[in-house]
């Protein structure tokens, strides 16, 4: 199914698809688990705790924010 077909579905269906897509990567699950445990989001702390580079963590945080799973500024 092409990207242009999304208008054929409800907003709820499209929102749920975006959410599950964001959760579909194990690195993002690991980052969310870390954030839940630490109750704070500092990219350097995530890099120190998990086996990801800073750029990888930043990209995953961007996707989690885009899906509405986290809030705040990503620098």
C-alpha atoms as a PDB file:
ATOM      1  CA  UNK A   1       0.000   0.000   0.000  1.00  0.00           C
ATOM      2  CA  UNK A   2       1.406   3.364  -1.006  1.00  0.00           C
ATOM      3  CA  UNK A   3       1.703   6.383   1.223  1.00  0.00           C
ATOM      4  CA  UNK A   4      -0.980   8.197  -0.760  1.00  0.00           C
ATOM      5  CA  UNK A   5      -3.644   5.763   0.451  1.00  0.00           C
ATOM      6  CA  UNK A   6      -3.578   6.995   4.060  1.00  0.00           C
ATOM      7  CA  UNK A   7      -6.476   9.355   3.346  1.00  0.00           C
ATOM      8  CA  UNK A   8      -8.667   6.283   2.861  1.00  0.00           C
ATOM      9  CA  UNK A   9      -8.426   5.531   6.603  1.00  0.00           C
ATOM     10  CA  UNK A  10      -9.684   7.332   9.682  1.00  0.00           C
ATOM     11  CA  UNK A  11      -7.510   9.639  11.752  1.00  0.00           C
ATOM     12  CA  UNK A  12      -7.626   7.083  14.567  1.00  0.00           C
ATOM     13  CA  UNK A  13      -6.395   4.329  12.259  1.00  0.00           C
ATOM     14  CA  UNK A  14      -3.573   6.506  10.922  1.00  0.00           C
ATOM     15  CA  UNK A  15      -2.598   7.653  14.430  1.00  0.00           C
ATOM     16  CA  UNK A  16      -2.522   4.071  15.707  1.00  0.00           C
ATOM     17  CA  UNK A  17      -0.402   3.010  12.736  1.00  0.00           C
ATOM     18  CA  UNK A  18       2.093   5.814  13.463  1.00  0.00           C
ATOM     19  CA  UNK A  19       2.225   4.817  17.124  1.00  0.00           C
ATOM     20  CA  UNK A  20       2.830   1.145  16.403  1.00  0.00           C
ATOM     21  CA  UNK A  21       5.450   2.046  13.797  1.00  0.00           C
ATOM     22  CA  UNK A  22       7.330   4.071  16.431  1.00  0.00           C
ATOM     23  CA  UNK A  23       7.109   1.150  18.861  1.00  0.00           C
ATOM     24  CA  UNK A  24       8.160  -1.323  16.180  1.00  0.00           C
ATOM     25  CA  UNK A  25      11.881  -0.812  16.742  1.00  0.00           C
ATOM     26  CA  UNK A  26      13.541  -2.553  19.710  1.00  0.00           C
ATOM     27  CA  UNK A  27      15.890   0.396  20.293  1.00  0.00           C
ATOM     28  CA  UNK A  28      12.881   2.652  20.884  1.00  0.00           C
ATOM     29  CA  UNK A  29      11.401   0.161  23.325  1.00  0.00           C
ATOM     30  CA  UNK A  30      14.721   0.117  25.201  1.00  0.00           C
ATOM     31  CA  UNK A  31      14.834   3.919  25.245  1.00  0.00           C
ATOM     32  CA  UNK A  32      11.247   4.139  26.535  1.00  0.00           C
ATOM     33  CA  UNK A  33      12.014   1.599  29.264  1.00  0.00           C
ATOM     34  CA  UNK A  34      15.044   3.645  30.276  1.00  0.00           C
ATOM     35  CA  UNK A  35      12.991   6.857  30.334  1.00  0.00           C
ATOM     36  CA  UNK A  36      10.272   5.257  32.460  1.00  0.00           C
ATOM     37  CA  UNK A  37      12.870   4.018  34.918  1.00  0.00           C
ATOM     38  CA  UNK A  38      14.853   7.262  35.100  1.00  0.00           C
ATOM     39  CA  UNK A  39      11.912   9.701  34.759  1.00  0.00           C
ATOM     40  CA  UNK A  40      14.165  12.077  32.825  1.00  0.00           C
ATOM     41  CA  UNK A  41      15.421  12.388  29.299  1.00  0.00           C
ATOM     42  CA  UNK A  42      19.042  13.340  28.860  1.00  0.00           C
ATOM     43  CA  UNK A  43      20.500  11.981  25.650  1.00  0.00           C
ATOM     44  CA  UNK A  44      23.942  11.534  27.204  1.00  0.00           C
ATOM     45  CA  UNK A  45      22.475   9.399  29.987  1.00  0.00           C
ATOM     46  CA  UNK A  46      20.771   7.163  27.437  1.00  0.00           C
ATOM     47  CA  UNK A  47      24.013   6.847  25.453  1.00  0.00           C
ATOM     48  CA  UNK A  48      25.874   5.898  28.658  1.00  0.00           C
ATOM     49  CA  UNK A  49      23.268   3.300  29.625  1.00  0.00           C
ATOM     50  CA  UNK A  50      22.375   1.708  26.279  1.00  0.00           C
ATOM     51  CA  UNK A  51      24.606   0.447  23.442  1.00  0.00           C
ATOM     52  CA  UNK A  52      23.705   3.250  21.015  1.00  0.00           C
ATOM     53  CA  UNK A  53      25.655   6.175  19.633  1.00  0.00           C
ATOM     54  CA  UNK A  54      24.521   9.717  20.357  1.00  0.00           C
ATOM     55  CA  UNK A  55      23.268  10.217  16.805  1.00  0.00           C
ATOM     56  CA  UNK A  56      21.269   6.975  16.954  1.00  0.00           C
ATOM     57  CA  UNK A  57      19.668   7.962  20.260  1.00  0.00           C
ATOM     58  CA  UNK A  58      18.817  11.407  18.878  1.00  0.00           C
ATOM     59  CA  UNK A  59      17.158   9.914  15.815  1.00  0.00           C
ATOM     60  CA  UNK A  60      15.104   7.485  17.889  1.00  0.00           C
ATOM     61  CA  UNK A  61      14.075  10.262  20.298  1.00  0.00           C
ATOM     62  CA  UNK A  62      12.946  12.308  17.293  1.00  0.00           C
ATOM     63  CA  UNK A  63      10.742   9.441  16.089  1.00  0.00           C
ATOM     64  CA  UNK A  64       9.293   8.875  19.577  1.00  0.00           C
ATOM     65  CA  UNK A  65       8.491  12.576  19.844  1.00  0.00           C
ATOM     66  CA  UNK A  66       6.927  12.633  16.381  1.00  0.00           C
ATOM     67  CA  UNK A  67       4.644   9.773  17.454  1.00  0.00           C
ATOM     68  CA  UNK A  68       3.668  11.694  20.591  1.00  0.00           C
ATOM     69  CA  UNK A  69       5.237   9.199  22.991  1.00  0.00           C
ATOM     70  CA  UNK A  70       7.594  11.736  24.552  1.00  0.00           C
ATOM     71  CA  UNK A  71       7.561  15.528  24.907  1.00  0.00           C
ATOM     72  CA  UNK A  72      10.200  18.181  25.214  1.00  0.00           C
ATOM     73  CA  UNK A  73      13.034  19.621  23.245  1.00  0.00           C
ATOM     74  CA  UNK A  74      15.493  17.384  21.492  1.00  0.00           C
ATOM     75  CA  UNK A  75      18.841  19.068  21.022  1.00  0.00           C
END
